[in-house]
Amino acid sequence: MGFCTNCGNQLKAEEKFCTSCGNPIQAKGNQETSSTEVDNHTHNEQAEQLQKDSNIGKKEETVGTQQKQIQQAVETQQVSLPEKKPMSKRNKILIGTVAAFIVLLFGVHKYLESHFDPMKQVVAMENALSEKKMDEFFNLIELEEDALIDKESYFEHIKDKEWESAIKNQYIHIIEADKEKATPYEKVIESEMGYPLLKLKPKSIFGLYKGYTVRAVPMKLEAQSNIDATEISILDKSFTVELADEGTDIGLIYPGTYDIQATAKGKYGDFTYHEIVQLDSYDSEMIDIEFETNFYYIYTGYDYEDAILFIDDKSTKTAIGEYTEIGPFPEDTDKTLHAEWKNTDGNTIRSNTVKLQELGDYPEIYFDFDAANAVHADVAGDVEAEVGQFILDFRNAYEDAVNYADFFEIENYLKPDSHAEKELKKFIKDMEDGYYYYEFYENIILNVEKKDKKTYHVKTNELFMFRDDDGKEYDYDREKMYIVEIIDEQFLISKIEYTDTQKSSS
């Protein structure tokens, strides 16, 4: 088996001509190597190449024919397509709805992107402050629920003291820093004094829109007072400071101006306090309640240190000698003080009476005792003792009235138009006609009896000397009964009865 040297067709062994191109086939055995064979070999190679080219041409022709057929088919198909129908109303509505929804989503996206822009928060706060829109400002921040706040003064504090000098620049710096490298941590804006004022807590929607929740930071409020059990009132809320001079935590409060009121019940009177205070931006603030008070040093003679102190005619049950000072008293107190001492006879001697209002800034009180003017120990009751002292005061005034023939000295002790007033006015006037002199030795209140709500009977023992215009002297030991009435909250003598008189000449 061989190949045709002309066209390269495969030949069978017995064939003498190529069935493809007709080229004669020579037997291999009779051939000799020559230039003819070389020529034939070259010729065969050329024939093979021609055959290949012919085959390629046929293939290309076939491909071209196929392409033409495809193109014709397409053209035929296009011509045979049915006419396009118009879109249905339902499809149009559906497409329109989808398009509108897409537009809406885009609009919502742009709105949220704008709404949660942190810089917009800064601008909104600045506008609210500059335009004095307090409600809008408080819509932008959160407050601690239990913290005290005067919104108007807090708003003014932020506007006037903190926004430009502290808050604004820090706020913008935090926003810029988070743009470069965002962190989930809470940020703190400090006051001008360097204390926490606002806290910014990052927030986001779907991780796309970022902003901050702004929370105002309150400060700790403490209070102290110079009097125990002080009640403090701030914004209609009350707090108690139990112990004097010890700080007490009373809660949280925001910076601002506050009306502070306080009261305290002391042993010697009630105290009040009122002050407007400005609280600035610190970690904590202390309210110092300083009631106006007075303390007094009390003295008496060495022999009377066991005398009992009385305040407003009520016994303190404490001896004068046990006090170094007494107080505190309210600055405007109207209290009166005196002391009572018992002598060896059991009679109670009352000291001078001191009105604290009349002392002014003088802090010392001296109690003096006059043994010639005493209330007997049998007299019981505060009002009864007060009535007895009233009669002793009258006796002191009466001594001057008779010696100087001056009715005015006792006029205020007597009930107008009463029996006592008429008698004593005539008696003192008679003193003008001679040269008389009285010296009172002793006035003792033996008993005070309450007859009704408005009337008291006071029994006295009075020792005195009388000298007439002839120079003769007489000693009197006399007991009397004074009828005392309470008129317009004043003690007044309406009648004097002489119950026993013993007279002797000197």
Protein backbone atom coordinates (compact mmCIF):
# COMPACT_ATOMS: atom_id res chain seq x y z
CA MET A 1 0.00 0.00 0.00
CA GLY A 2 1.20 3.52 -0.95
CA PHE A 3 0.10 7.01 -1.75
CA CYS A 4 -0.35 8.78 -5.03
CA THR A 5 2.64 11.04 -5.66
CA ASN A 6 0.36 13.47 -7.46
CA CYS A 7 -2.58 13.95 -5.14
CA GLY A 8 -1.62 12.00 -2.03
CA ASN A 9 -4.56 9.64 -2.31
CA GLN A 10 -4.08 6.25 -0.59
CA LEU A 11 -3.45 3.50 -3.15
CA LYS A 12 -4.09 -0.19 -3.06
CA ALA A 13 -1.24 -2.57 -3.85
CA GLU A 14 -2.61 -3.81 -7.22
CA GLU A 15 -3.62 -0.41 -8.55
CA LYS A 16 -1.56 1.05 -11.39
CA PHE A 17 -3.41 4.34 -11.67
CA CYS A 18 -4.61 6.68 -8.94
CA THR A 19 -8.36 6.42 -8.66
CA SER A 20 -8.46 10.04 -7.53
CA CYS A 21 -6.38 11.90 -10.09
CA GLY A 22 -5.49 9.19 -12.68
CA ASN A 23 -1.75 9.51 -12.20
CA PRO A 24 0.14 6.29 -13.31
CA ILE A 25 1.76 4.29 -10.48
CA GLN A 26 5.26 2.84 -10.98
CA ALA A 27 6.50 -0.26 -9.22
CA LYS A 28 9.07 0.36 -6.45
CA GLY A 29 11.32 -2.45 -7.44
CA ASN A 30 12.01 -1.21 -10.95
CA GLN A 31 12.79 2.28 -9.92
CA GLU A 32 16.17 3.68 -9.27
CA THR A 33 17.09 6.66 -7.35
CA SER A 34 17.46 9.55 -9.79
CA SER A 35 16.73 13.14 -10.34
CA THR A 36 13.40 12.08 -11.78
CA GLU A 37 12.41 10.52 -8.50
CA VAL A 38 13.36 13.68 -6.72
CA ASP A 39 11.29 15.62 -9.18
CA ASN A 40 8.47 13.20 -8.73
CA HIS A 41 8.75 13.50 -4.96
CA THR A 42 8.63 17.25 -5.20
CA HIS A 43 5.74 17.00 -7.58
CA ASN A 44 3.93 14.72 -5.13
CA GLU A 45 4.40 17.22 -2.30
CA GLN A 46 2.97 19.95 -4.48
CA ALA A 47 0.07 17.71 -5.36
CA GLU A 48 -0.60 17.05 -1.66
CA GLN A 49 -0.59 20.79 -0.91
CA LEU A 50 -3.00 21.44 -3.81
CA GLN A 51 -5.30 18.78 -2.45
CA LYS A 52 -5.26 20.39 1.01
CA ASP A 53 -5.98 23.79 -0.44
CA SER A 54 -8.79 22.33 -2.45
CA ASN A 55 -10.28 20.76 0.67
CA ILE A 56 -10.00 24.02 2.60
CA GLY A 57 -11.70 25.88 -0.21
CA LYS A 58 -14.51 23.35 -0.23
CA LYS A 59 -14.92 23.77 3.54
CA GLU A 60 -14.97 27.57 3.31
CA GLU A 61 -17.51 27.35 0.55
CA THR A 62 -19.62 25.08 2.71
CA VAL A 63 -19.38 27.47 5.71
CA GLY A 64 -20.32 30.43 3.50
CA THR A 65 -23.28 28.56 2.17
CA GLN A 66 -24.40 27.71 5.69
CA GLN A 67 -24.10 31.34 6.80
CA LYS A 68 -26.21 32.43 3.84
CA GLN A 69 -28.82 29.85 4.73
CA ILE A 70 -28.87 31.05 8.37
CA GLN A 71 -29.22 34.67 7.32
CA GLN A 72 -32.06 33.77 4.99
CA ALA A 73 -33.75 31.84 7.79
CA VAL A 74 -33.47 34.78 10.15
CA GLU A 75 -34.84 37.14 7.55
CA THR A 76 -37.63 34.76 6.87
CA GLN A 77 -38.35 34.41 10.61
CA GLN A 78 -38.42 38.19 11.08
CA VAL A 79 -40.84 38.55 8.30
CA SER A 80 -43.04 35.84 9.76
CA LEU A 81 -43.14 37.29 13.41
CA PRO A 82 -46.63 38.34 14.56
CA GLU A 83 -47.40 42.05 15.17
CA LYS A 84 -46.50 43.33 18.77
CA LYS A 85 -49.53 43.92 21.06
CA PRO A 86 -49.85 47.14 23.24
CA MET A 87 -48.94 46.84 27.03
CA SER A 88 -51.88 46.15 29.36
CA LYS A 89 -53.10 48.71 31.93
CA ARG A 90 -52.30 46.30 34.74
CA ASN A 91 -48.68 45.99 33.62
CA LYS A 92 -48.37 49.75 33.28
CA ILE A 93 -49.67 50.23 36.87
CA LEU A 94 -47.30 47.58 38.15
CA ILE A 95 -44.30 49.14 36.44
CA GLY A 96 -45.32 52.62 37.67
CA THR A 97 -45.72 51.37 41.25
CA VAL A 98 -42.30 49.76 41.22
CA ALA A 99 -40.75 52.90 39.80
CA ALA A 100 -42.49 55.09 42.42
CA PHE A 101 -41.36 52.77 45.23
CA ILE A 102 -37.77 52.98 43.98
CA VAL A 103 -38.00 56.76 43.90
CA LEU A 104 -39.52 56.76 47.40
CA LEU A 105 -36.77 54.56 48.76
CA PHE A 106 -34.20 56.85 47.30
CA GLY A 107 -35.91 59.88 48.83
CA VAL A 108 -36.11 58.21 52.26
CA HIS A 109 -32.46 57.31 51.98
CA LYS A 110 -31.49 60.91 51.21
CA TYR A 111 -33.72 62.20 54.02
CA LEU A 112 -32.28 59.85 56.62
CA GLU A 113 -28.79 60.59 55.40
CA SER A 114 -29.48 64.29 55.94
CA HIS A 115 -31.47 63.85 59.17
CA PHE A 116 -28.76 61.83 60.91
CA ASP A 117 -25.91 64.02 59.84
CA PRO A 118 -24.10 64.80 63.16
CA MET A 119 -23.25 68.30 61.98
CA LYS A 120 -26.95 68.98 61.61
CA GLN A 121 -27.31 68.30 65.35
CA VAL A 122 -24.67 70.92 66.11
CA VAL A 123 -26.36 73.48 63.86
CA ALA A 124 -29.77 72.77 65.41
CA MET A 125 -28.44 73.29 68.92
CA GLU A 126 -26.68 76.50 67.96
CA ASN A 127 -29.82 77.85 66.28
CA ALA A 128 -31.98 77.01 69.29
CA LEU A 129 -29.57 78.81 71.60
CA SER A 130 -29.03 81.87 69.44
CA GLU A 131 -32.75 82.23 68.72
CA LYS A 132 -33.64 81.59 72.38
CA LYS A 133 -35.90 78.65 71.54
CA MET A 134 -35.70 76.81 74.82
CA ASP A 135 -38.21 74.05 73.98
CA GLU A 136 -36.36 73.18 70.77
CA PHE A 137 -33.09 73.01 72.68
CA PHE A 138 -34.46 70.55 75.23
CA ASN A 139 -35.87 68.40 72.41
CA LEU A 140 -32.27 67.86 71.30
CA ILE A 141 -30.92 66.60 74.63
CA GLU A 142 -31.84 64.03 77.24
CA LEU A 143 -31.99 64.72 81.00
CA GLU A 144 -31.56 62.50 84.04
CA GLU A 145 -35.05 61.74 85.28
CA ASP A 146 -34.42 62.33 89.01
CA ALA A 147 -32.08 65.31 88.69
CA LEU A 148 -33.27 68.78 89.73
CA ILE A 149 -33.29 71.37 86.97
CA ASP A 150 -34.48 74.89 86.46
CA LYS A 151 -34.76 74.70 82.67
CA GLU A 152 -34.73 78.42 82.03
CA SER A 153 -31.57 79.11 84.04
CA TYR A 154 -29.84 75.96 82.68
CA PHE A 155 -30.62 77.11 79.14
CA GLU A 156 -29.15 80.55 79.90
CA HIS A 157 -26.10 78.96 81.51
CA ILE A 158 -25.35 76.87 78.40
CA LYS A 159 -26.01 79.78 76.04
CA ASP A 160 -24.00 82.41 77.89
CA LYS A 161 -21.16 80.42 79.49
CA GLU A 162 -20.58 77.07 77.81
CA TRP A 163 -21.58 76.90 74.12
CA GLU A 164 -18.96 79.05 72.42
CA SER A 165 -16.17 78.53 74.95
CA ALA A 166 -16.51 74.77 75.42
CA ILE A 167 -19.29 72.73 73.81
CA LYS A 168 -19.27 73.74 70.14
CA ASN A 169 -15.60 73.11 69.34
CA GLN A 170 -15.48 69.84 71.28
CA TYR A 171 -18.65 68.61 69.55
CA ILE A 172 -17.24 69.33 66.05
CA HIS A 173 -13.89 67.75 66.97
CA ILE A 174 -15.64 64.54 68.06
CA ILE A 175 -17.59 64.38 64.77
CA GLU A 176 -14.43 64.84 62.68
CA ALA A 177 -12.53 62.25 64.71
CA ASP A 178 -15.32 59.69 64.24
CA LYS A 179 -15.28 60.29 60.47
CA GLU A 180 -11.63 59.26 60.37
CA LYS A 181 -11.97 56.39 62.80
CA ALA A 182 -15.38 55.71 64.29
CA THR A 183 -15.60 54.11 67.73
CA PRO A 184 -18.68 52.82 69.57
CA TYR A 185 -17.65 54.46 72.84
CA GLU A 186 -19.44 57.29 74.60
CA LYS A 187 -17.74 60.69 74.26
CA VAL A 188 -17.64 63.39 76.92
CA ILE A 189 -17.87 67.14 76.36
CA GLU A 190 -16.39 69.08 79.28
CA SER A 191 -17.46 72.41 80.72
CA GLU A 192 -15.29 75.50 80.61
CA MET A 193 -14.08 74.48 84.08
CA GLY A 194 -13.08 71.01 82.85
CA TYR A 195 -15.94 68.94 84.28
CA PRO A 196 -18.36 66.61 82.40
CA LEU A 197 -21.19 68.62 80.87
CA LEU A 198 -22.59 66.52 77.98
CA LYS A 199 -22.20 62.89 76.89
CA LEU A 200 -22.46 61.86 73.23
CA LYS A 201 -23.54 58.27 72.65
CA PRO A 202 -23.13 57.07 69.02
CA LYS A 203 -26.30 55.80 67.32
CA SER A 204 -27.06 54.47 63.82
CA ILE A 205 -29.92 53.14 61.63
CA PHE A 206 -29.17 49.90 59.74
CA GLY A 207 -25.51 50.77 60.12
CA LEU A 208 -25.87 53.48 57.45
CA TYR A 209 -26.95 56.66 59.20
CA LYS A 210 -24.86 57.81 62.14
CA GLY A 211 -25.46 60.43 64.82
CA TYR A 212 -25.38 60.92 68.60
CA THR A 213 -27.74 60.82 71.51
CA VAL A 214 -26.88 63.88 73.60
CA ARG A 215 -27.33 63.48 77.36
CA ALA A 216 -26.84 66.38 79.78
CA VAL A 217 -24.67 65.44 82.76
CA PRO A 218 -25.93 66.60 86.20
CA MET A 219 -23.69 67.14 89.18
CA LYS A 220 -23.81 65.90 92.76
CA LEU A 221 -25.48 68.28 95.21
CA GLU A 222 -24.56 68.40 98.90
CA ALA A 223 -25.78 70.63 101.71
CA GLN A 224 -24.77 71.49 105.23
CA SER A 225 -26.27 73.67 107.94
CA ASN A 226 -25.23 75.20 111.23
CA ILE A 227 -28.37 73.80 112.94
CA ASP A 228 -29.52 70.20 113.30
CA ALA A 229 -32.58 68.88 111.46
CA THR A 230 -32.61 71.56 108.78
CA GLU A 231 -35.32 71.23 106.13
CA ILE A 232 -34.21 72.49 102.70
CA SER A 233 -36.62 73.27 99.86
CA ILE A 234 -35.49 73.44 96.21
CA LEU A 235 -38.02 73.54 93.33
CA ASP A 236 -40.80 72.33 95.65
CA LYS A 237 -38.76 69.31 96.73
CA SER A 238 -37.63 68.93 100.34
CA PHE A 239 -34.45 67.48 101.80
CA THR A 240 -33.24 67.10 105.40
CA VAL A 241 -29.81 67.78 106.84
CA GLU A 242 -29.88 65.87 110.10
CA LEU A 243 -26.62 66.92 111.74
CA ALA A 244 -25.15 70.41 111.87
CA ASP A 245 -21.82 71.06 110.15
CA GLU A 246 -21.85 67.72 108.32
CA GLY A 247 -22.25 67.52 104.54
CA THR A 248 -25.30 65.61 103.36
CA ASP A 249 -25.81 64.23 99.85
CA ILE A 250 -29.23 65.38 98.65
CA GLY A 251 -29.19 64.19 95.02
CA LEU A 252 -28.37 65.40 91.50
CA ILE A 253 -28.83 68.87 90.05
CA TYR A 254 -28.04 70.71 86.82
CA PRO A 255 -26.18 74.03 86.69
CA GLY A 256 -28.37 77.10 86.99
CA THR A 257 -29.87 79.61 89.39
CA TYR A 258 -31.96 78.28 92.27
CA ASP A 259 -34.16 79.72 95.02
CA ILE A 260 -33.03 77.97 98.22
CA GLN A 261 -35.26 78.06 101.30
CA ALA A 262 -34.59 76.36 104.61
CA THR A 263 -36.13 76.12 108.07
CA ALA A 264 -35.00 74.67 111.37
CA LYS A 265 -36.62 74.35 114.78
CA GLY A 266 -34.11 75.22 117.47
CA LYS A 267 -34.34 74.87 121.21
CA TYR A 268 -34.79 78.61 121.59
CA GLY A 269 -36.77 79.45 118.48
CA ASP A 270 -37.45 78.76 114.81
CA PHE A 271 -35.00 79.72 112.08
CA THR A 272 -35.59 80.62 108.44
CA TYR A 273 -33.22 80.99 105.50
CA HIS A 274 -33.75 82.27 101.97
CA GLU A 275 -31.15 82.86 99.27
CA ILE A 276 -30.77 82.80 95.48
CA VAL A 277 -27.69 80.73 94.57
CA GLN A 278 -25.85 80.20 91.28
CA LEU A 279 -24.58 76.68 90.69
CA ASP A 280 -21.89 76.34 88.02
CA SER A 281 -20.63 73.31 86.09
CA TYR A 282 -18.58 71.20 88.51
CA ASP A 283 -18.52 67.57 89.63
CA SER A 284 -20.41 68.60 92.77
CA GLU A 285 -21.73 71.69 94.53
CA MET A 286 -22.23 72.43 98.22
CA ILE A 287 -25.11 74.53 99.56
CA ASP A 288 -24.11 76.03 102.90
CA ILE A 289 -27.16 76.96 104.99
CA GLU A 290 -25.96 79.54 107.49
CA PHE A 291 -28.81 80.65 109.72
CA GLU A 292 -28.41 84.02 111.42
CA THR A 293 -28.02 83.14 115.10
CA ASN A 294 -27.12 84.79 118.39
CA PHE A 295 -25.43 83.28 121.44
CA TYR A 296 -25.31 84.98 124.85
CA TYR A 297 -23.04 84.70 127.87
CA ILE A 298 -24.98 84.92 131.17
CA TYR A 299 -23.68 85.99 134.59
CA THR A 300 -24.95 86.64 138.10
CA GLY A 301 -23.55 87.20 141.57
CA TYR A 302 -21.64 84.39 143.20
CA ASP A 303 -24.42 83.75 145.74
CA TYR A 304 -27.07 83.27 143.03
CA GLU A 305 -25.42 80.83 140.63
CA ASP A 306 -27.96 78.18 141.61
CA ALA A 307 -30.77 80.42 140.35
CA ILE A 308 -32.89 78.81 137.62
CA LEU A 309 -33.00 80.43 134.19
CA PHE A 310 -36.42 81.20 132.71
CA ILE A 311 -37.14 81.92 129.04
CA ASP A 312 -40.48 83.57 128.29
CA ASP A 313 -41.43 82.78 131.89
CA LYS A 314 -40.85 79.06 131.33
CA SER A 315 -38.27 77.33 133.46
CA THR A 316 -35.28 75.77 131.73
CA LYS A 317 -34.74 73.71 134.91
CA THR A 318 -31.07 74.60 134.58
CA ALA A 319 -29.05 76.70 136.99
CA ILE A 320 -27.31 79.79 135.65
CA GLY A 321 -23.98 78.48 136.89
CA GLU A 322 -24.21 75.52 134.50
CA TYR A 323 -24.20 77.72 131.42
CA THR A 324 -21.15 79.11 129.70
CA GLU A 325 -23.31 80.49 126.93
CA ILE A 326 -26.86 80.04 125.77
CA GLY A 327 -28.20 79.78 122.22
CA PRO A 328 -28.61 79.74 119.38
CA PHE A 329 -31.45 82.24 119.26
CA PRO A 330 -32.94 83.54 116.01
CA GLU A 331 -31.52 86.94 115.17
CA ASP A 332 -34.91 88.69 115.42
CA THR A 333 -36.12 86.85 118.52
CA ASP A 334 -38.48 88.64 120.92
CA LYS A 335 -37.84 86.33 123.86
CA THR A 336 -37.38 87.53 127.41
CA LEU A 337 -35.11 85.98 130.05
CA HIS A 338 -35.02 86.13 133.82
CA ALA A 339 -33.82 83.96 136.68
CA GLU A 340 -35.42 82.89 139.96
CA TRP A 341 -33.67 82.13 143.24
CA LYS A 342 -35.03 80.81 146.49
CA ASN A 343 -33.84 82.29 149.77
CA THR A 344 -33.56 80.44 153.10
CA ASP A 345 -37.16 81.35 153.98
CA GLY A 346 -38.45 79.51 150.94
CA ASN A 347 -39.36 82.70 149.13
CA THR A 348 -38.56 82.94 145.44
CA ILE A 349 -36.69 86.02 144.36
CA ARG A 350 -37.01 87.00 140.74
CA SER A 351 -34.18 88.75 138.92
CA ASN A 352 -34.42 91.58 136.46
CA THR A 353 -36.04 90.71 133.12
CA VAL A 354 -33.95 90.98 129.95
CA LYS A 355 -35.47 91.40 126.49
CA LEU A 356 -33.09 90.00 123.89
CA GLN A 357 -34.32 92.39 121.21
CA GLU A 358 -33.04 95.28 123.31
CA LEU A 359 -29.52 93.89 123.62
CA GLY A 360 -28.55 94.47 120.00
CA ASP A 361 -25.08 93.10 119.32
CA TYR A 362 -24.18 92.99 123.02
CA PRO A 363 -23.77 89.29 123.85
CA GLU A 364 -23.71 89.41 127.67
CA ILE A 365 -26.59 89.18 130.17
CA TYR A 366 -26.29 89.93 133.86
CA PHE A 367 -29.05 88.85 136.26
CA ASP A 368 -29.43 90.94 139.39
CA PHE A 369 -31.46 89.81 142.41
CA ASP A 370 -33.33 92.07 144.84
CA ALA A 371 -34.20 90.22 148.04
CA ALA A 372 -36.80 92.90 148.85
CA ASN A 373 -38.93 91.84 145.90
CA ALA A 374 -39.83 88.18 145.82
CA VAL A 375 -42.46 85.69 144.74
CA HIS A 376 -43.25 83.13 147.45
CA ALA A 377 -42.41 79.51 146.72
CA ASP A 378 -46.10 78.55 147.08
CA VAL A 379 -46.95 80.41 143.87
CA ALA A 380 -47.29 77.76 141.18
CA GLY A 381 -47.81 78.10 137.46
CA ASP A 382 -46.11 80.14 134.78
CA VAL A 383 -48.96 82.61 134.32
CA GLU A 384 -49.39 82.96 138.08
CA ALA A 385 -45.69 83.76 138.48
CA GLU A 386 -45.96 86.25 135.67
CA VAL A 387 -48.91 87.97 137.39
CA GLY A 388 -46.91 88.05 140.66
CA GLN A 389 -43.97 89.67 138.89
CA PHE A 390 -46.35 92.21 137.39
CA ILE A 391 -47.37 93.30 140.91
CA LEU A 392 -43.70 93.53 141.99
CA ASP A 393 -42.99 95.74 138.98
CA PHE A 394 -45.99 97.87 139.96
CA ARG A 395 -44.64 98.27 143.52
CA ASN A 396 -41.30 99.54 142.17
CA ALA A 397 -43.10 102.08 140.00
CA TYR A 398 -45.45 103.02 142.85
CA GLU A 399 -42.53 103.95 145.14
CA ASP A 400 -41.43 106.56 142.60
CA ALA A 401 -45.02 107.72 142.03
CA VAL A 402 -45.69 108.58 145.71
CA ASN A 403 -42.26 110.08 146.33
CA TYR A 404 -42.44 112.32 143.28
CA ALA A 405 -46.22 112.80 143.26
CA ASP A 406 -46.26 111.55 139.66
CA PHE A 407 -49.29 109.47 138.69
CA PHE A 408 -47.81 108.85 135.27
CA GLU A 409 -45.36 106.35 136.81
CA ILE A 410 -48.18 103.87 137.49
CA GLU A 411 -50.84 104.87 134.99
CA ASN A 412 -50.09 101.97 132.62
CA TYR A 413 -50.54 99.43 135.44
CA LEU A 414 -54.14 100.45 136.16
CA LYS A 415 -57.37 99.61 134.39
CA PRO A 416 -58.89 102.84 133.01
CA ASP A 417 -61.84 104.20 135.07
CA SER A 418 -61.41 101.41 137.57
CA HIS A 419 -61.67 101.69 141.38
CA ALA A 420 -57.88 101.37 141.64
CA GLU A 421 -57.19 104.12 139.12
CA LYS A 422 -59.54 106.60 140.79
CA GLU A 423 -58.23 105.97 144.31
CA LEU A 424 -54.54 106.11 143.46
CA LYS A 425 -54.89 109.15 141.23
CA LYS A 426 -56.46 111.08 144.18
CA PHE A 427 -53.95 109.72 146.71
CA ILE A 428 -50.91 110.68 144.63
CA LYS A 429 -52.32 114.11 143.95
CA ASP A 430 -52.57 114.65 147.73
CA MET A 431 -48.84 114.00 147.93
CA GLU A 432 -48.33 117.34 146.25
CA ASP A 433 -49.58 119.23 149.37
CA GLY A 434 -46.90 118.07 151.82
CA TYR A 435 -43.43 116.74 152.16
CA TYR A 436 -43.80 112.99 152.35
CA TYR A 437 -41.40 110.15 151.78
CA TYR A 438 -41.75 106.36 151.37
CA GLU A 439 -39.08 103.70 151.53
CA PHE A 440 -40.14 100.18 150.51
CA TYR A 441 -38.28 97.46 152.39
CA GLU A 442 -39.87 94.33 151.08
CA ASN A 443 -42.59 93.18 148.69
CA ILE A 444 -43.49 89.51 148.89
CA ILE A 445 -46.04 87.78 146.65
CA LEU A 446 -47.70 85.33 149.03
CA ASN A 447 -50.18 83.79 146.64
CA VAL A 448 -51.70 84.11 143.17
CA GLU A 449 -55.11 82.60 142.60
CA LYS A 450 -56.79 82.29 139.25
CA LYS A 451 -60.47 83.23 139.59
CA ASP A 452 -61.47 82.84 135.93
CA LYS A 453 -59.88 83.07 132.48
CA LYS A 454 -59.43 86.80 132.78
CA THR A 455 -59.07 87.47 136.52
CA TYR A 456 -56.40 86.77 139.13
CA HIS A 457 -56.25 87.61 142.86
CA VAL A 458 -52.77 88.42 144.14
CA LYS A 459 -52.05 88.39 147.89
CA THR A 460 -49.03 90.40 149.04
CA ASN A 461 -47.09 91.28 152.16
CA GLU A 462 -45.48 94.73 151.99
CA LEU A 463 -43.02 96.27 154.45
CA PHE A 464 -42.26 99.99 154.11
CA MET A 465 -41.45 103.16 156.06
CA PHE A 466 -43.45 106.40 155.77
CA ARG A 467 -42.19 109.84 156.86
CA ASP A 468 -44.72 112.68 157.08
CA ASP A 469 -44.10 116.39 156.58
CA ASP A 470 -43.44 116.74 160.36
CA GLY A 471 -40.51 114.35 160.00
CA LYS A 472 -42.13 111.52 161.94
CA GLU A 473 -41.44 108.01 160.62
CA TYR A 474 -43.77 105.03 160.73
CA ASP A 475 -43.13 101.40 159.84
CA TYR A 476 -45.89 99.44 158.09
CA ASP A 477 -46.41 95.72 157.76
CA ARG A 478 -49.37 95.43 155.42
CA GLU A 479 -51.16 92.68 153.54
CA LYS A 480 -53.13 93.50 150.41
CA MET A 481 -55.23 91.82 147.74
CA TYR A 482 -54.75 93.02 144.17
CA ILE A 483 -57.47 92.25 141.61
CA VAL A 484 -55.72 91.82 138.26
CA GLU A 485 -57.57 91.49 134.96
CA ILE A 486 -56.33 90.50 131.52
CA ILE A 487 -57.47 93.16 129.04
CA ASP A 488 -56.21 93.14 125.43
CA GLU A 489 -53.54 90.63 126.48
CA GLN A 490 -52.24 92.98 129.20
CA PHE A 491 -52.33 92.69 132.97
CA LEU A 492 -54.13 95.63 134.57
CA ILE A 493 -55.03 96.31 138.24
CA SER A 494 -58.72 97.03 138.67
CA LYS A 495 -58.95 97.08 142.51
CA ILE A 496 -56.71 97.03 145.61
CA GLU A 497 -58.05 95.76 148.94
CA TYR A 498 -56.27 96.22 152.31
CA THR A 499 -56.68 93.01 154.28
CA ASP A 500 -54.37 93.63 157.27
CA THR A 501 -52.15 96.49 158.42
CA GLN A 502 -49.73 96.75 161.32
CA LYS A 503 -48.25 100.14 162.04
CA SER A 504 -45.49 101.19 164.42
CA SER A 505 -43.61 104.41 164.96
CA SER A 506 -39.85 104.55 164.83
